[in-house]
């Protein structure tokens, strides 16, 4: 069993993947996050459609293929 730090705040990550944020899925995600926050915990929502996430892996995006380059929108952590 792992030991938790003296102050431990659970973090919930909700992944939403629906084109309409007002859909039933969006409302369930909102209700869940509201309940989590009411309990004093952290809720993080990642809306894949809002982020422009494309789940289809292209051949040129595979490591080892000609032209492959790792792209990130986050700045380097160095």
N, C-alpha and C. Protein backbone atom coordinates (compact mmCIF):
# COMPACT_ATOMS: atom_id res chain seq x y z
N UNK A 1 0.84 -1.17 0.00
CA UNK A 1 0.00 0.00 0.00
C UNK A 1 0.89 1.24 0.00
N UNK A 2 0.58 2.21 -0.87
CA UNK A 2 1.40 3.42 -0.94
C UNK A 2 1.02 4.37 0.19
N UNK A 3 1.99 5.15 0.59
CA UNK A 3 1.75 6.13 1.64
C UNK A 3 1.44 7.47 0.99
N UNK A 4 0.37 8.10 1.46
CA UNK A 4 -0.01 9.40 0.94
C UNK A 4 0.63 10.49 1.78
N UNK A 5 0.96 11.63 1.15
CA UNK A 5 1.49 12.74 1.92
C UNK A 5 0.49 13.20 2.97
N UNK A 6 0.97 13.95 3.96
CA UNK A 6 0.10 14.43 5.04
C UNK A 6 -1.09 15.21 4.48
N UNK A 7 -0.86 16.03 3.47
CA UNK A 7 -1.96 16.76 2.82
C UNK A 7 -2.12 16.19 1.43
N UNK A 8 -3.18 15.47 1.22
CA UNK A 8 -3.42 14.83 -0.08
C UNK A 8 -4.75 15.31 -0.61
N UNK A 9 -4.74 15.93 -1.78
CA UNK A 9 -5.98 16.38 -2.42
C UNK A 9 -6.17 15.58 -3.70
N UNK A 10 -7.19 14.73 -3.73
CA UNK A 10 -7.43 13.94 -4.94
C UNK A 10 -7.68 14.85 -6.15
N UNK A 11 -7.23 14.38 -7.28
CA UNK A 11 -7.39 15.11 -8.54
C UNK A 11 -8.13 14.19 -9.51
N UNK A 12 -9.20 14.72 -10.07
CA UNK A 12 -10.01 13.97 -11.03
C UNK A 12 -9.82 14.59 -12.41
N UNK A 13 -9.54 13.76 -13.40
CA UNK A 13 -9.42 14.24 -14.77
C UNK A 13 -10.59 13.66 -15.55
N UNK A 14 -11.36 14.55 -16.16
CA UNK A 14 -12.53 14.16 -16.93
C UNK A 14 -12.21 14.42 -18.41
N UNK A 15 -12.30 13.39 -19.21
CA UNK A 15 -12.05 13.50 -20.64
C UNK A 15 -13.40 13.53 -21.36
N UNK A 16 -13.69 14.65 -22.01
CA UNK A 16 -14.94 14.82 -22.74
C UNK A 16 -14.65 14.71 -24.22
N UNK A 17 -15.40 13.87 -24.91
CA UNK A 17 -15.19 13.68 -26.35
C UNK A 17 -16.54 13.71 -27.06
N UNK A 18 -17.12 14.90 -27.12
CA UNK A 18 -18.40 15.07 -27.80
C UNK A 18 -18.37 16.43 -28.49
N UNK A 19 -18.84 16.50 -29.74
CA UNK A 19 -18.76 17.76 -30.48
C UNK A 19 -19.62 18.89 -29.89
N UNK A 20 -20.64 18.56 -29.12
CA UNK A 20 -21.52 19.56 -28.54
C UNK A 20 -21.32 19.62 -27.03
N UNK A 21 -20.70 20.69 -26.51
CA UNK A 21 -20.45 20.76 -25.06
C UNK A 21 -21.73 20.79 -24.23
N UNK A 22 -22.87 21.15 -24.85
CA UNK A 22 -24.15 21.16 -24.14
C UNK A 22 -24.89 19.84 -24.23
N UNK A 23 -24.23 18.80 -24.74
CA UNK A 23 -24.86 17.48 -24.88
C UNK A 23 -25.05 16.82 -23.51
N UNK A 24 -25.72 15.70 -23.50
CA UNK A 24 -25.89 14.93 -22.26
C UNK A 24 -24.53 14.60 -21.66
N UNK A 25 -23.57 14.19 -22.50
CA UNK A 25 -22.22 13.88 -22.01
C UNK A 25 -21.59 15.10 -21.34
N UNK A 26 -21.73 16.27 -21.97
CA UNK A 26 -21.18 17.49 -21.40
C UNK A 26 -21.83 17.83 -20.07
N UNK A 27 -23.14 17.65 -19.98
CA UNK A 27 -23.85 17.93 -18.73
C UNK A 27 -23.44 16.96 -17.62
N UNK A 28 -23.24 15.70 -17.97
CA UNK A 28 -22.78 14.73 -16.97
C UNK A 28 -21.37 15.10 -16.49
N UNK A 29 -20.50 15.49 -17.41
CA UNK A 29 -19.14 15.91 -17.04
C UNK A 29 -19.19 17.12 -16.11
N UNK A 30 -20.04 18.09 -16.44
CA UNK A 30 -20.18 19.29 -15.60
C UNK A 30 -20.70 18.93 -14.21
N UNK A 31 -21.72 18.07 -14.15
CA UNK A 31 -22.30 17.68 -12.86
C UNK A 31 -21.27 16.93 -12.01
N UNK A 32 -20.51 16.05 -12.65
CA UNK A 32 -19.48 15.30 -11.92
C UNK A 32 -18.44 16.26 -11.35
N UNK A 33 -17.98 17.20 -12.18
CA UNK A 33 -16.96 18.16 -11.73
C UNK A 33 -17.49 19.04 -10.61
N UNK A 34 -18.75 19.45 -10.70
CA UNK A 34 -19.35 20.25 -9.63
C UNK A 34 -19.37 19.47 -8.32
N UNK A 35 -19.75 18.19 -8.38
CA UNK A 35 -19.79 17.36 -7.18
C UNK A 35 -18.40 17.17 -6.58
N UNK A 36 -17.42 16.96 -7.43
CA UNK A 36 -16.04 16.78 -6.98
C UNK A 36 -15.54 18.04 -6.28
N UNK A 37 -15.80 19.19 -6.90
CA UNK A 37 -15.35 20.46 -6.32
C UNK A 37 -16.08 20.78 -5.03
N UNK A 38 -17.35 20.40 -4.94
CA UNK A 38 -18.11 20.59 -3.71
C UNK A 38 -17.47 19.81 -2.56
N UNK A 39 -16.85 18.71 -2.88
CA UNK A 39 -16.16 17.88 -1.87
C UNK A 39 -14.76 18.41 -1.58
N UNK A 40 -14.38 19.53 -2.20
CA UNK A 40 -13.07 20.12 -1.95
C UNK A 40 -11.94 19.49 -2.73
N UNK A 41 -12.28 18.77 -3.78
CA UNK A 41 -11.26 18.11 -4.58
C UNK A 41 -11.13 18.84 -5.92
N UNK A 42 -10.05 18.54 -6.63
CA UNK A 42 -9.77 19.21 -7.91
C UNK A 42 -10.33 18.40 -9.07
N UNK A 43 -10.95 19.11 -10.01
CA UNK A 43 -11.47 18.48 -11.22
C UNK A 43 -10.87 19.19 -12.43
N UNK A 44 -10.30 18.44 -13.33
CA UNK A 44 -9.70 18.96 -14.55
C UNK A 44 -10.46 18.37 -15.73
N UNK A 45 -10.95 19.23 -16.61
CA UNK A 45 -11.69 18.76 -17.78
C UNK A 45 -10.82 18.94 -19.02
N UNK A 46 -10.75 17.92 -19.84
CA UNK A 46 -10.08 17.99 -21.13
C UNK A 46 -11.12 17.68 -22.19
N UNK A 47 -11.51 18.70 -22.93
CA UNK A 47 -12.50 18.57 -23.99
C UNK A 47 -11.74 18.34 -25.30
N UNK A 48 -11.74 17.11 -25.78
CA UNK A 48 -10.95 16.76 -26.94
C UNK A 48 -11.36 17.52 -28.20
N UNK A 49 -12.66 17.78 -28.35
CA UNK A 49 -13.10 18.54 -29.52
C UNK A 49 -12.64 19.97 -29.44
N UNK A 50 -12.72 20.59 -28.26
CA UNK A 50 -12.27 21.97 -28.09
C UNK A 50 -10.77 22.09 -28.33
N UNK A 51 -10.03 21.02 -28.03
CA UNK A 51 -8.58 21.01 -28.23
C UNK A 51 -8.18 20.70 -29.67
N UNK A 52 -9.17 20.32 -30.49
CA UNK A 52 -8.87 19.97 -31.88
C UNK A 52 -8.18 18.63 -32.02
N UNK A 53 -8.39 17.74 -31.07
CA UNK A 53 -7.75 16.43 -31.08
C UNK A 53 -8.23 15.60 -32.26
N UNK A 54 -7.30 15.05 -33.00
CA UNK A 54 -7.61 14.16 -34.11
C UNK A 54 -7.12 12.76 -33.72
N UNK A 55 -8.03 11.83 -33.48
CA UNK A 55 -7.61 10.50 -33.00
C UNK A 55 -7.00 9.60 -34.06
N UNK A 56 -7.08 10.02 -35.32
CA UNK A 56 -6.55 9.17 -36.39
C UNK A 56 -5.04 9.37 -36.54
N UNK A 57 -4.29 8.30 -36.32
CA UNK A 57 -2.84 8.34 -36.48
C UNK A 57 -2.50 8.25 -37.95
N UNK A 58 -1.76 9.24 -38.43
CA UNK A 58 -1.33 9.26 -39.82
C UNK A 58 -0.01 8.49 -39.94
N UNK A 59 0.24 7.93 -41.12
CA UNK A 59 1.46 7.14 -41.30
C UNK A 59 2.71 7.98 -41.05
N UNK A 60 2.71 9.24 -41.49
CA UNK A 60 3.91 10.08 -41.30
C UNK A 60 4.11 10.51 -39.84
N UNK A 61 3.13 10.27 -38.97
CA UNK A 61 3.24 10.62 -37.56
C UNK A 61 3.87 9.49 -36.73
N UNK A 62 4.10 8.36 -37.35
CA UNK A 62 4.66 7.22 -36.63
C UNK A 62 6.18 7.35 -36.52
N UNK A 63 6.73 7.12 -35.33
CA UNK A 63 8.18 7.18 -35.17
C UNK A 63 8.86 6.21 -36.13
N UNK A 64 9.99 6.62 -36.68
CA UNK A 64 10.75 5.77 -37.59
C UNK A 64 10.39 5.99 -39.06
N UNK A 65 9.32 6.74 -39.31
CA UNK A 65 8.93 7.02 -40.69
C UNK A 65 9.66 8.27 -41.18
N UNK A 66 9.95 8.35 -42.46
CA UNK A 66 10.60 9.56 -42.99
C UNK A 66 9.74 10.79 -42.70
N UNK A 67 10.40 11.84 -42.25
CA UNK A 67 9.71 13.10 -41.97
C UNK A 67 9.11 13.17 -40.59
N UNK A 68 9.26 12.11 -39.78
CA UNK A 68 8.69 12.15 -38.43
C UNK A 68 9.43 13.17 -37.57
N UNK A 69 8.68 13.98 -36.87
CA UNK A 69 9.25 14.92 -35.90
C UNK A 69 8.27 15.04 -34.75
N UNK A 70 8.75 14.91 -33.57
CA UNK A 70 7.91 15.04 -32.39
C UNK A 70 7.52 16.50 -32.23
N UNK A 71 6.21 16.76 -32.22
CA UNK A 71 5.72 18.12 -32.09
C UNK A 71 4.99 18.25 -30.77
N UNK A 72 5.21 19.35 -30.10
CA UNK A 72 4.52 19.61 -28.84
C UNK A 72 4.12 21.07 -28.79
N UNK A 73 2.98 21.34 -28.19
CA UNK A 73 2.54 22.73 -28.04
C UNK A 73 3.00 23.29 -26.71
N UNK A 74 3.60 22.45 -25.89
CA UNK A 74 4.08 22.89 -24.58
C UNK A 74 5.54 23.29 -24.67
N UNK A 75 5.91 24.37 -23.96
CA UNK A 75 7.33 24.76 -23.97
C UNK A 75 8.19 23.72 -23.28
N UNK A 76 9.45 23.70 -23.64
CA UNK A 76 10.39 22.77 -23.04
C UNK A 76 10.48 22.99 -21.54
N UNK A 77 10.63 21.91 -20.79
CA UNK A 77 10.68 21.99 -19.33
C UNK A 77 12.11 22.22 -18.83
N UNK A 78 13.05 22.49 -19.72
CA UNK A 78 14.44 22.67 -19.31
C UNK A 78 14.71 24.03 -18.78
